[in-house]
Amino acid sequence: MIYDIRHITRFDYGRKVDFARCNLRLKPIHWSGQSLQDYHLTVSPSGRTAPARAEAGLANVTRLVIEEPVRHLVIESVSRILVDRPVPMPAATDPMLGEIAAAARASRDPSAAGPAGYLFPSPLIPLDRDIAEWCAEELAPGRRCLDAAIGLARRIQGEFAFDTEATLVDTPPHDAFVKRGGVCQDFAQIMITGLRAAGLPAAYASGYIRTLPPPGEERLVGADATHAWVLLWCGDTLGWVGVDPTNGIWMAGDHIVMAIGRDYAEIAPIDGVVLGSGAQKMEVSVDVAPVLVA
């Protein structure tokens, strides 16, 4: 499936901003099952952009510098991407979780995609005894990895309410766990907390899901915004496998990976420094539309 993605971020400032220096992670990365065909970035009223190195995680980073006073800033990212990713199928030959944990500890892969870097707590996803114990019911060392991954994702989807008013972007996983509610970021962080507590390498994936579902299917939760889900490393043969605890499904043909990191802080779509005074308002709109090929 080919998708056209339009991601628009608008900033309105209470007073003129004299200078801004931002990191943009709005260009989808190269990842298994997807290939970027076209990409275009527009900044209005103006700005100086240049490629930058990703300091952490897997991301395409663009450095944006605004050096003229502005009251409004619009950043528009347009992508066309081909996604050809099959739905994972659990099998009796899948490695067990205990084997995955041992293989991750033994890994000598130092790259940003290596499993060892995703075994430990991170600033936004600390260890949590309550979450670990709750998730452990699905994570017995002798359970096959794919069966356990989708089992935990579906348990979160079934027992937690999607509630945009329950949490904020900086809400700790423990608070969302206690409330049994939140948004995709919260559910991904809860699942990652449990997986890492079990000694398993788990990454935070940021990206998109299709806005319009196929005929006869329900619309996925998280469309019209950036989405978050989980990647579990399942050994050298299976590699990184994605699961979406918000919707209780696999990462497959409806998901587009934008960036991958230990947590949201490493791969936020936009972050940086703004010099000015007054309030700031941000609005984000996302549209992910399948391209009909004749």
C-alpha atoms as a PDB file:
ATOM      1  CA  MET A   1       0.000   0.000   0.000  1.00  0.00           C
ATOM      2  CA  ILE A   2       1.198   3.506  -0.858  1.00  0.00           C
ATOM      3  CA  TYR A   3       0.310   6.315   1.551  1.00  0.00           C
ATOM      4  CA  ASP A   4       0.385  10.087   1.272  1.00  0.00           C
ATOM      5  CA  ILE A   5       1.075  11.672   4.677  1.00  0.00           C
ATOM      6  CA  ARG A   6       0.514  15.327   5.516  1.00  0.00           C
ATOM      7  CA  HIS A   7       1.675  16.453   8.966  1.00  0.00           C
ATOM      8  CA  ILE A   8       1.051  20.111   9.839  1.00  0.00           C
ATOM      9  CA  THR A   9       2.224  21.767  13.065  1.00  0.00           C
ATOM     10  CA  ARG A  10       1.200  25.353  13.805  1.00  0.00           C
ATOM     11  CA  PHE A  11       2.677  27.485  16.585  1.00  0.00           C
ATOM     12  CA  ASP A  12       0.981  30.700  17.697  1.00  0.00           C
ATOM     13  CA  TYR A  13       2.975  32.865  20.089  1.00  0.00           C
ATOM     14  CA  GLY A  14       1.569  35.494  22.448  1.00  0.00           C
ATOM     15  CA  ARG A  15       4.430  37.809  21.513  1.00  0.00           C
ATOM     16  CA  LYS A  16       6.992  37.825  18.760  1.00  0.00           C
ATOM     17  CA  VAL A  17       9.688  35.167  19.053  1.00  0.00           C
ATOM     18  CA  ASP A  18      13.111  36.532  18.116  1.00  0.00           C
ATOM     19  CA  PHE A  19      14.957  33.217  17.731  1.00  0.00           C
ATOM     20  CA  ALA A  20      14.157  29.515  17.621  1.00  0.00           C
ATOM     21  CA  ARG A  21      16.335  26.433  17.141  1.00  0.00           C
ATOM     22  CA  CYS A  22      14.403  23.203  16.685  1.00  0.00           C
ATOM     23  CA  ASN A  23      14.991  19.560  15.840  1.00  0.00           C
ATOM     24  CA  LEU A  24      12.427  18.152  13.403  1.00  0.00           C
ATOM     25  CA  ARG A  25      11.921  14.387  13.195  1.00  0.00           C
ATOM     26  CA  LEU A  26       9.197  14.438  10.577  1.00  0.00           C
ATOM     27  CA  LYS A  27      10.774  12.387   7.784  1.00  0.00           C
ATOM     28  CA  PRO A  28       9.987   8.662   8.127  1.00  0.00           C
ATOM     29  CA  ILE A  29      13.035   6.439   8.540  1.00  0.00           C
ATOM     30  CA  HIS A  30      14.047   3.497   6.404  1.00  0.00           C
ATOM     31  CA  TRP A  31      12.741   0.422   8.192  1.00  0.00           C
ATOM     32  CA  SER A  32      11.802  -3.125   7.373  1.00  0.00           C
ATOM     33  CA  GLY A  33       8.572  -3.257   5.372  1.00  0.00           C
ATOM     34  CA  GLN A  34       8.525   0.377   4.237  1.00  0.00           C
ATOM     35  CA  SER A  35      10.336   2.590   1.753  1.00  0.00           C
ATOM     36  CA  LEU A  36      10.113   6.368   1.422  1.00  0.00           C
ATOM     37  CA  GLN A  37       9.311   7.477  -2.121  1.00  0.00           C
ATOM     38  CA  ASP A  38       9.044  11.245  -1.706  1.00  0.00           C
ATOM     39  CA  TYR A  39       9.400  13.847   1.037  1.00  0.00           C
ATOM     40  CA  HIS A  40       8.958  17.611   1.211  1.00  0.00           C
ATOM     41  CA  LEU A  41       9.273  20.012   4.150  1.00  0.00           C
ATOM     42  CA  THR A  42       7.869  23.561   4.167  1.00  0.00           C
ATOM     43  CA  VAL A  43       8.373  26.185   6.896  1.00  0.00           C
ATOM     44  CA  SER A  44       6.295  29.364   6.868  1.00  0.00           C
ATOM     45  CA  PRO A  45       6.958  32.254   7.093  1.00  0.00           C
ATOM     46  CA  SER A  46      10.596  31.176   6.681  1.00  0.00           C
ATOM     47  CA  GLY A  47      13.456  29.349   8.311  1.00  0.00           C
ATOM     48  CA  ARG A  48      16.894  27.890   7.695  1.00  0.00           C
ATOM     49  CA  THR A  49      17.033  24.083   7.589  1.00  0.00           C
ATOM     50  CA  ALA A  50      19.876  21.586   7.408  1.00  0.00           C
ATOM     51  CA  PRO A  51      20.316  17.854   8.055  1.00  0.00           C
ATOM     52  CA  ALA A  52      21.486  16.995  11.570  1.00  0.00           C
ATOM     53  CA  ARG A  53      22.785  13.888  13.301  1.00  0.00           C
ATOM     54  CA  ALA A  54      20.397  11.893  15.465  1.00  0.00           C
ATOM     55  CA  GLU A  55      21.858  12.096  18.955  1.00  0.00           C
ATOM     56  CA  ALA A  56      19.854   9.075  20.109  1.00  0.00           C
ATOM     57  CA  GLY A  57      17.548   6.493  18.609  1.00  0.00           C
ATOM     58  CA  LEU A  58      16.765   5.996  14.950  1.00  0.00           C
ATOM     59  CA  ALA A  59      15.490   9.184  13.311  1.00  0.00           C
ATOM     60  CA  ASN A  60      15.941  11.495  10.350  1.00  0.00           C
ATOM     61  CA  VAL A  61      16.683  14.847  11.970  1.00  0.00           C
ATOM     62  CA  THR A  62      16.397  18.279  10.348  1.00  0.00           C
ATOM     63  CA  ARG A  63      17.706  21.330  12.208  1.00  0.00           C
ATOM     64  CA  LEU A  64      15.453  24.384  11.877  1.00  0.00           C
ATOM     65  CA  VAL A  65      16.684  27.854  12.833  1.00  0.00           C
ATOM     66  CA  ILE A  66      14.387  30.894  12.917  1.00  0.00           C
ATOM     67  CA  GLU A  67      16.321  34.159  13.114  1.00  0.00           C
ATOM     68  CA  GLU A  68      13.631  36.721  12.301  1.00  0.00           C
ATOM     69  CA  PRO A  69      10.826  37.736  14.709  1.00  0.00           C
ATOM     70  CA  VAL A  70       7.630  35.716  14.177  1.00  0.00           C
ATOM     71  CA  ARG A  71       4.227  35.489  15.847  1.00  0.00           C
ATOM     72  CA  HIS A  72       3.125  32.412  13.915  1.00  0.00           C
ATOM     73  CA  LEU A  73       5.030  29.426  12.554  1.00  0.00           C
ATOM     74  CA  VAL A  74       3.710  26.607  10.359  1.00  0.00           C
ATOM     75  CA  ILE A  75       5.750  23.464   9.677  1.00  0.00           C
ATOM     76  CA  GLU A  76       4.333  21.184   6.999  1.00  0.00           C
ATOM     77  CA  SER A  77       5.775  17.759   6.255  1.00  0.00           C
ATOM     78  CA  VAL A  78       4.535  15.783   3.228  1.00  0.00           C
ATOM     79  CA  SER A  79       5.611  12.185   2.585  1.00  0.00           C
ATOM     80  CA  ARG A  80       4.755   9.427   0.160  1.00  0.00           C
ATOM     81  CA  ILE A  81       5.689   5.979   1.427  1.00  0.00           C
ATOM     82  CA  LEU A  82       5.264   2.392   0.302  1.00  0.00           C
ATOM     83  CA  VAL A  83       4.363  -0.049   3.083  1.00  0.00           C
ATOM     84  CA  ASP A  84       4.592  -3.771   2.372  1.00  0.00           C
ATOM     85  CA  ARG A  85       4.698  -5.414   5.775  1.00  0.00           C
ATOM     86  CA  PRO A  86       2.984  -8.755   6.456  1.00  0.00           C
ATOM     87  CA  VAL A  87       1.061  -9.463   9.631  1.00  0.00           C
ATOM     88  CA  PRO A  88       3.298 -11.491  12.000  1.00  0.00           C
ATOM     89  CA  MET A  89       2.130 -15.058  12.525  1.00  0.00           C
ATOM     90  CA  PRO A  90       3.014 -16.735  15.849  1.00  0.00           C
ATOM     91  CA  ALA A  91       4.500 -20.188  15.318  1.00  0.00           C
ATOM     92  CA  ALA A  92       5.618 -23.128  17.419  1.00  0.00           C
ATOM     93  CA  THR A  93       9.190 -22.446  16.296  1.00  0.00           C
ATOM     94  CA  ASP A  94       9.302 -18.906  17.719  1.00  0.00           C
ATOM     95  CA  PRO A  95      11.951 -18.425  20.415  1.00  0.00           C
ATOM     96  CA  MET A  96      10.838 -18.284  24.025  1.00  0.00           C
ATOM     97  CA  LEU A  97      11.065 -15.103  26.064  1.00  0.00           C
ATOM     98  CA  GLY A  98      13.827 -16.545  28.242  1.00  0.00           C
ATOM     99  CA  GLU A  99      15.883 -17.242  25.131  1.00  0.00           C
ATOM    100  CA  ILE A 100      15.260 -13.712  23.840  1.00  0.00           C
ATOM    101  CA  ALA A 101      16.413 -12.173  27.116  1.00  0.00           C
ATOM    102  CA  ALA A 102      19.614 -14.237  27.093  1.00  0.00           C
ATOM    103  CA  ALA A 103      20.352 -13.422  23.450  1.00  0.00           C
ATOM    104  CA  ALA A 104      19.844  -9.694  24.057  1.00  0.00           C
ATOM    105  CA  ARG A 105      22.244  -9.708  27.005  1.00  0.00           C
ATOM    106  CA  ALA A 106      24.827 -11.499  24.872  1.00  0.00           C
ATOM    107  CA  SER A 107      24.430  -9.195  21.862  1.00  0.00           C
ATOM    108  CA  ARG A 108      27.466  -7.204  20.787  1.00  0.00           C
ATOM    109  CA  ASP A 109      25.596  -5.043  18.285  1.00  0.00           C
ATOM    110  CA  PRO A 110      26.512  -1.423  19.186  1.00  0.00           C
ATOM    111  CA  SER A 111      24.232   0.189  16.592  1.00  0.00           C
ATOM    112  CA  ALA A 112      21.107   2.209  17.326  1.00  0.00           C
ATOM    113  CA  ALA A 113      19.097  -0.871  16.296  1.00  0.00           C
ATOM    114  CA  GLY A 114      20.981  -3.250  18.586  1.00  0.00           C
ATOM    115  CA  PRO A 115      18.834  -4.912  21.290  1.00  0.00           C
ATOM    116  CA  ALA A 116      21.128  -4.200  24.252  1.00  0.00           C
ATOM    117  CA  GLY A 117      20.362  -0.483  24.169  1.00  0.00           C
ATOM    118  CA  TYR A 118      16.675  -1.148  24.850  1.00  0.00           C
ATOM    119  CA  LEU A 119      16.985  -3.461  27.850  1.00  0.00           C
ATOM    120  CA  PHE A 120      17.229  -0.821  30.542  1.00  0.00           C
ATOM    121  CA  PRO A 121      15.029   1.939  32.016  1.00  0.00           C
ATOM    122  CA  SER A 122      15.082   5.316  30.294  1.00  0.00           C
ATOM    123  CA  PRO A 123      14.238   8.821  31.559  1.00  0.00           C
ATOM    124  CA  LEU A 124      10.536   8.637  30.681  1.00  0.00           C
ATOM    125  CA  ILE A 125      10.134   4.883  31.241  1.00  0.00           C
ATOM    126  CA  PRO A 126      11.566   3.957  34.662  1.00  0.00           C
ATOM    127  CA  LEU A 127      11.245   0.624  36.394  1.00  0.00           C
ATOM    128  CA  ASP A 128       7.920   0.185  38.171  1.00  0.00           C
ATOM    129  CA  ARG A 129       7.125  -2.750  40.439  1.00  0.00           C
ATOM    130  CA  ASP A 130       3.331  -2.562  40.013  1.00  0.00           C
ATOM    131  CA  ILE A 131       3.491  -2.479  36.222  1.00  0.00           C
ATOM    132  CA  ALA A 132       6.141  -5.194  36.159  1.00  0.00           C
ATOM    133  CA  GLU A 133       4.028  -7.547  38.254  1.00  0.00           C
ATOM    134  CA  TRP A 134       0.899  -6.897  36.194  1.00  0.00           C
ATOM    135  CA  CYS A 135       2.684  -7.488  32.886  1.00  0.00           C
ATOM    136  CA  ALA A 136       4.550 -10.545  34.198  1.00  0.00           C
ATOM    137  CA  GLU A 137       1.326 -12.557  33.985  1.00  0.00           C
ATOM    138  CA  GLU A 138       1.751 -12.487  30.184  1.00  0.00           C
ATOM    139  CA  LEU A 139       5.552 -12.770  30.143  1.00  0.00           C
ATOM    140  CA  ALA A 140       6.514 -16.191  31.463  1.00  0.00           C
ATOM    141  CA  PRO A 141      10.069 -17.078  30.297  1.00  0.00           C
ATOM    142  CA  GLY A 142       8.791 -20.250  28.634  1.00  0.00           C
ATOM    143  CA  ARG A 143       6.190 -18.482  26.497  1.00  0.00           C
ATOM    144  CA  ARG A 144       6.803 -17.959  22.781  1.00  0.00           C
ATOM    145  CA  CYS A 145       7.761 -14.351  22.017  1.00  0.00           C
ATOM    146  CA  LEU A 146       5.102 -13.439  19.447  1.00  0.00           C
ATOM    147  CA  ASP A 147       2.314 -15.061  21.427  1.00  0.00           C
ATOM    148  CA  ALA A 148       3.376 -13.152  24.539  1.00  0.00           C
ATOM    149  CA  ALA A 149       3.730  -9.826  22.710  1.00  0.00           C
ATOM    150  CA  ILE A 150       0.259  -9.820  21.206  1.00  0.00           C
ATOM    151  CA  GLY A 151      -1.217 -11.249  24.414  1.00  0.00           C
ATOM    152  CA  LEU A 152       0.111  -8.342  26.487  1.00  0.00           C
ATOM    153  CA  ALA A 153      -0.887  -5.761  23.867  1.00  0.00           C
ATOM    154  CA  ARG A 154      -4.443  -7.072  23.769  1.00  0.00           C
ATOM    155  CA  ARG A 155      -4.666  -7.158  27.552  1.00  0.00           C
ATOM    156  CA  ILE A 156      -3.695  -3.477  27.709  1.00  0.00           C
ATOM    157  CA  GLN A 157      -6.163  -2.641  24.940  1.00  0.00           C
ATOM    158  CA  GLY A 158      -8.918  -4.501  26.742  1.00  0.00           C
ATOM    159  CA  GLU A 159      -8.359  -3.203  30.282  1.00  0.00           C
ATOM    160  CA  PHE A 160      -7.355   0.435  29.664  1.00  0.00           C
ATOM    161  CA  ALA A 161      -9.627   3.203  28.370  1.00  0.00           C
ATOM    162  CA  PHE A 162      -8.501   5.546  25.603  1.00  0.00           C
ATOM    163  CA  ASP A 163      -9.011   8.935  27.263  1.00  0.00           C
ATOM    164  CA  THR A 164      -7.346  12.085  25.945  1.00  0.00           C
ATOM    165  CA  GLU A 165      -8.184  13.919  29.178  1.00  0.00           C
ATOM    166  CA  ALA A 166      -6.580  11.379  31.525  1.00  0.00           C
ATOM    167  CA  THR A 167      -2.924  12.220  30.936  1.00  0.00           C
ATOM    168  CA  LEU A 168      -0.458  14.794  29.604  1.00  0.00           C
ATOM    169  CA  VAL A 169       2.619  14.300  27.467  1.00  0.00           C
ATOM    170  CA  ASP A 170       4.827  14.126  30.596  1.00  0.00           C
ATOM    171  CA  THR A 171       2.544  11.872  32.680  1.00  0.00           C
ATOM    172  CA  PRO A 172       4.620   9.017  34.187  1.00  0.00           C
ATOM    173  CA  PRO A 173       3.641   5.461  33.172  1.00  0.00           C
ATOM    174  CA  HIS A 174       2.700   4.664  36.777  1.00  0.00           C
ATOM    175  CA  ASP A 175       0.018   7.383  36.858  1.00  0.00           C
ATOM    176  CA  ALA A 176      -1.598   6.144  33.636  1.00  0.00           C
ATOM    177  CA  PHE A 177      -1.401   2.587  34.961  1.00  0.00           C
ATOM    178  CA  VAL A 178      -3.218   3.533  38.159  1.00  0.00           C
ATOM    179  CA  LYS A 179      -5.895   5.470  36.235  1.00  0.00           C
ATOM    180  CA  ARG A 180      -6.298   2.597  33.751  1.00  0.00           C
ATOM    181  CA  GLY A 181      -6.561   5.235  31.049  1.00  0.00           C
ATOM    182  CA  GLY A 182      -4.602   7.435  28.724  1.00  0.00           C
ATOM    183  CA  VAL A 183      -3.485   7.657  25.110  1.00  0.00           C
ATOM    184  CA  CYS A 184      -1.201   5.703  22.812  1.00  0.00           C
ATOM    185  CA  GLN A 185       1.975   7.086  24.410  1.00  0.00           C
ATOM    186  CA  ASP A 186       0.839   5.904  27.843  1.00  0.00           C
ATOM    187  CA  PHE A 187      -0.077   2.410  26.662  1.00  0.00           C
ATOM    188  CA  ALA A 188       3.227   2.026  24.821  1.00  0.00           C
ATOM    189  CA  GLN A 189       5.165   3.165  27.899  1.00  0.00           C
ATOM    190  CA  ILE A 190       3.290   0.757  30.178  1.00  0.00           C
ATOM    191  CA  MET A 191       3.993  -2.160  27.861  1.00  0.00           C
ATOM    192  CA  ILE A 192       7.665  -1.220  27.479  1.00  0.00           C
ATOM    193  CA  THR A 193       7.998  -0.940  31.270  1.00  0.00           C
ATOM    194  CA  GLY A 194       6.739  -4.501  31.668  1.00  0.00           C
ATOM    195  CA  LEU A 195       8.864  -5.940  28.861  1.00  0.00           C
ATOM    196  CA  ARG A 196      12.079  -4.350  30.131  1.00  0.00           C
ATOM    197  CA  ALA A 197      11.334  -5.488  33.675  1.00  0.00           C
ATOM    198  CA  ALA A 198      11.212  -9.023  32.273  1.00  0.00           C
ATOM    199  CA  GLY A 199      14.673  -8.577  30.742  1.00  0.00           C
ATOM    200  CA  LEU A 200      13.379  -8.065  27.197  1.00  0.00           C
ATOM    201  CA  PRO A 201      14.552  -5.398  24.730  1.00  0.00           C
ATOM    202  CA  ALA A 202      11.648  -3.073  23.959  1.00  0.00           C
ATOM    203  CA  ALA A 203      11.686   0.141  21.904  1.00  0.00           C
ATOM    204  CA  TYR A 204       9.285   3.064  21.567  1.00  0.00           C
ATOM    205  CA  ALA A 205       8.054   3.553  17.992  1.00  0.00           C
ATOM    206  CA  SER A 206       6.615   6.857  16.791  1.00  0.00           C
ATOM    207  CA  GLY A 207       4.760   7.208  13.515  1.00  0.00           C
ATOM    208  CA  TYR A 208       1.374   7.093  11.883  1.00  0.00           C
ATOM    209  CA  ILE A 209      -1.554   4.796  11.191  1.00  0.00           C
ATOM    210  CA  ARG A 210      -3.895   5.158   8.249  1.00  0.00           C
ATOM    211  CA  THR A 211      -6.645   7.706   8.700  1.00  0.00           C
ATOM    212  CA  LEU A 212      -9.305   5.970   6.599  1.00  0.00           C
ATOM    213  CA  PRO A 213      -9.889   2.261   7.239  1.00  0.00           C
ATOM    214  CA  PRO A 214     -10.607  -0.256   4.474  1.00  0.00           C
ATOM    215  CA  PRO A 215     -14.317  -0.677   3.645  1.00  0.00           C
ATOM    216  CA  GLY A 216     -16.177  -2.539   6.364  1.00  0.00           C
ATOM    217  CA  GLU A 217     -13.448  -2.116   9.000  1.00  0.00           C
ATOM    218  CA  GLU A 218     -13.426   0.133  12.057  1.00  0.00           C
ATOM    219  CA  ARG A 219     -11.244   3.218  12.186  1.00  0.00           C
ATOM    220  CA  LEU A 220      -8.097   2.660  14.242  1.00  0.00           C
ATOM    221  CA  VAL A 221      -7.619   4.668  17.423  1.00  0.00           C
ATOM    222  CA  GLY A 222      -4.827   7.204  17.056  1.00  0.00           C
ATOM    223  CA  ALA A 223      -5.469   8.308  13.483  1.00  0.00           C
ATOM    224  CA  ASP A 224      -5.246  12.036  12.696  1.00  0.00           C
ATOM    225  CA  ALA A 225      -2.280  12.399  15.057  1.00  0.00           C
ATOM    226  CA  THR A 226       1.143  10.930  15.532  1.00  0.00           C
ATOM    227  CA  HIS A 227       0.827   7.448  16.974  1.00  0.00           C
ATOM    228  CA  ALA A 228       2.994   5.391  19.323  1.00  0.00           C
ATOM    229  CA  TRP A 229       3.455   1.655  19.743  1.00  0.00           C
ATOM    230  CA  VAL A 230       6.039  -0.926  20.822  1.00  0.00           C
ATOM    231  CA  LEU A 231       8.813  -2.884  19.146  1.00  0.00           C
ATOM    232  CA  LEU A 232       9.992  -6.118  20.781  1.00  0.00           C
ATOM    233  CA  TRP A 233      13.258  -7.668  19.655  1.00  0.00           C
ATOM    234  CA  CYS A 234      12.579 -11.356  19.009  1.00  0.00           C
ATOM    235  CA  GLY A 235      16.055 -12.649  18.169  1.00  0.00           C
ATOM    236  CA  ASP A 236      18.262 -12.516  15.091  1.00  0.00           C
ATOM    237  CA  THR A 237      15.835 -14.430  12.884  1.00  0.00           C
ATOM    238  CA  LEU A 238      12.611 -12.522  13.598  1.00  0.00           C
ATOM    239  CA  GLY A 239      14.278  -9.220  14.515  1.00  0.00           C
ATOM    240  CA  TRP A 240      12.142  -6.323  15.752  1.00  0.00           C
ATOM    241  CA  VAL A 241       8.411  -7.045  15.743  1.00  0.00           C
ATOM    242  CA  GLY A 242       5.855  -4.278  16.302  1.00  0.00           C
ATOM    243  CA  VAL A 243       2.732  -4.467  18.449  1.00  0.00           C
ATOM    244  CA  ASP A 244       0.138  -1.748  19.005  1.00  0.00           C
ATOM    245  CA  PRO A 245      -1.350  -1.899  22.536  1.00  0.00           C
ATOM    246  CA  THR A 246      -3.763   0.970  21.817  1.00  0.00           C
ATOM    247  CA  ASN A 247      -5.571  -1.103  19.196  1.00  0.00           C
ATOM    248  CA  GLY A 248      -4.485  -4.608  20.271  1.00  0.00           C
ATOM    249  CA  ILE A 249      -2.994  -5.380  16.858  1.00  0.00           C
ATOM    250  CA  TRP A 250       0.322  -6.044  15.145  1.00  0.00           C
ATOM    251  CA  MET A 251       2.342  -3.381  13.387  1.00  0.00           C
ATOM    252  CA  ALA A 252       1.672  -4.281   9.775  1.00  0.00           C
ATOM    253  CA  GLY A 253       0.344  -2.589   6.664  1.00  0.00           C
ATOM    254  CA  ASP A 254      -1.519   0.196   8.512  1.00  0.00           C
ATOM    255  CA  HIS A 255       1.537   1.493  10.416  1.00  0.00           C
ATOM    256  CA  ILE A 256       4.264   3.847   9.177  1.00  0.00           C
ATOM    257  CA  VAL A 257       7.391   4.123  11.335  1.00  0.00           C
ATOM    258  CA  MET A 258       8.685   7.665  11.678  1.00  0.00           C
ATOM    259  CA  ALA A 259      11.334   7.159  14.394  1.00  0.00           C
ATOM    260  CA  ILE A 260      12.440   4.631  17.025  1.00  0.00           C
ATOM    261  CA  GLY A 261      14.011   5.287  20.431  1.00  0.00           C
ATOM    262  CA  ARG A 262      14.110   4.300  24.078  1.00  0.00           C
ATOM    263  CA  ASP A 263      11.235   6.675  24.833  1.00  0.00           C
ATOM    264  CA  TYR A 264       9.383   9.706  23.480  1.00  0.00           C
ATOM    265  CA  ALA A 265      12.031  12.196  24.601  1.00  0.00           C
ATOM    266  CA  GLU A 266      14.560  10.784  22.123  1.00  0.00           C
ATOM    267  CA  ILE A 267      12.273  10.928  19.101  1.00  0.00           C
ATOM    268  CA  ALA A 268       9.697  13.685  19.651  1.00  0.00           C
ATOM    269  CA  PRO A 269       8.540  15.012  16.259  1.00  0.00           C
ATOM    270  CA  ILE A 270       9.606  18.545  17.229  1.00  0.00           C
ATOM    271  CA  ASP A 271      11.699  19.846  20.100  1.00  0.00           C
ATOM    272  CA  GLY A 272      14.103  22.687  20.687  1.00  0.00           C
ATOM    273  CA  VAL A 273      14.577  26.145  22.177  1.00  0.00           C
ATOM    274  CA  VAL A 274      12.482  29.278  21.623  1.00  0.00           C
ATOM    275  CA  LEU A 275      13.603  32.711  22.846  1.00  0.00           C
ATOM    276  CA  GLY A 276      10.699  34.984  23.636  1.00  0.00           C
ATOM    277  CA  SER A 277       8.003  35.759  26.162  1.00  0.00           C
ATOM    278  CA  GLY A 278       4.283  35.169  26.265  1.00  0.00           C
ATOM    279  CA  ALA A 279       2.089  32.133  25.837  1.00  0.00           C
ATOM    280  CA  GLN A 280       2.495  29.492  23.163  1.00  0.00           C
ATOM    281  CA  LYS A 281      -0.225  27.461  21.473  1.00  0.00           C
ATOM    282  CA  MET A 282       0.474  24.435  19.276  1.00  0.00           C
ATOM    283  CA  GLU A 283      -1.947  22.673  16.939  1.00  0.00           C
ATOM    284  CA  VAL A 284      -1.138  19.458  15.076  1.00  0.00           C
ATOM    285  CA  SER A 285      -3.062  17.791  12.280  1.00  0.00           C
ATOM    286  CA  VAL A 286      -2.141  14.540  10.524  1.00  0.00           C
ATOM    287  CA  ASP A 287      -3.719  12.874   7.525  1.00  0.00           C
ATOM    288  CA  VAL A 288      -2.617   9.455   6.276  1.00  0.00           C
ATOM    289  CA  ALA A 289      -4.413   8.563   3.059  1.00  0.00           C
ATOM    290  CA  PRO A 290      -3.938   5.468   0.892  1.00  0.00           C
ATOM    291  CA  VAL A 291      -3.108   6.219  -2.721  1.00  0.00           C
ATOM    292  CA  LEU A 292      -5.432   4.544  -5.209  1.00  0.00           C
ATOM    293  CA  VAL A 293      -3.287   3.155  -8.011  1.00  0.00           C
ATOM    294  CA  ALA A 294      -5.087   2.562 -11.288  1.00  0.00           C
END
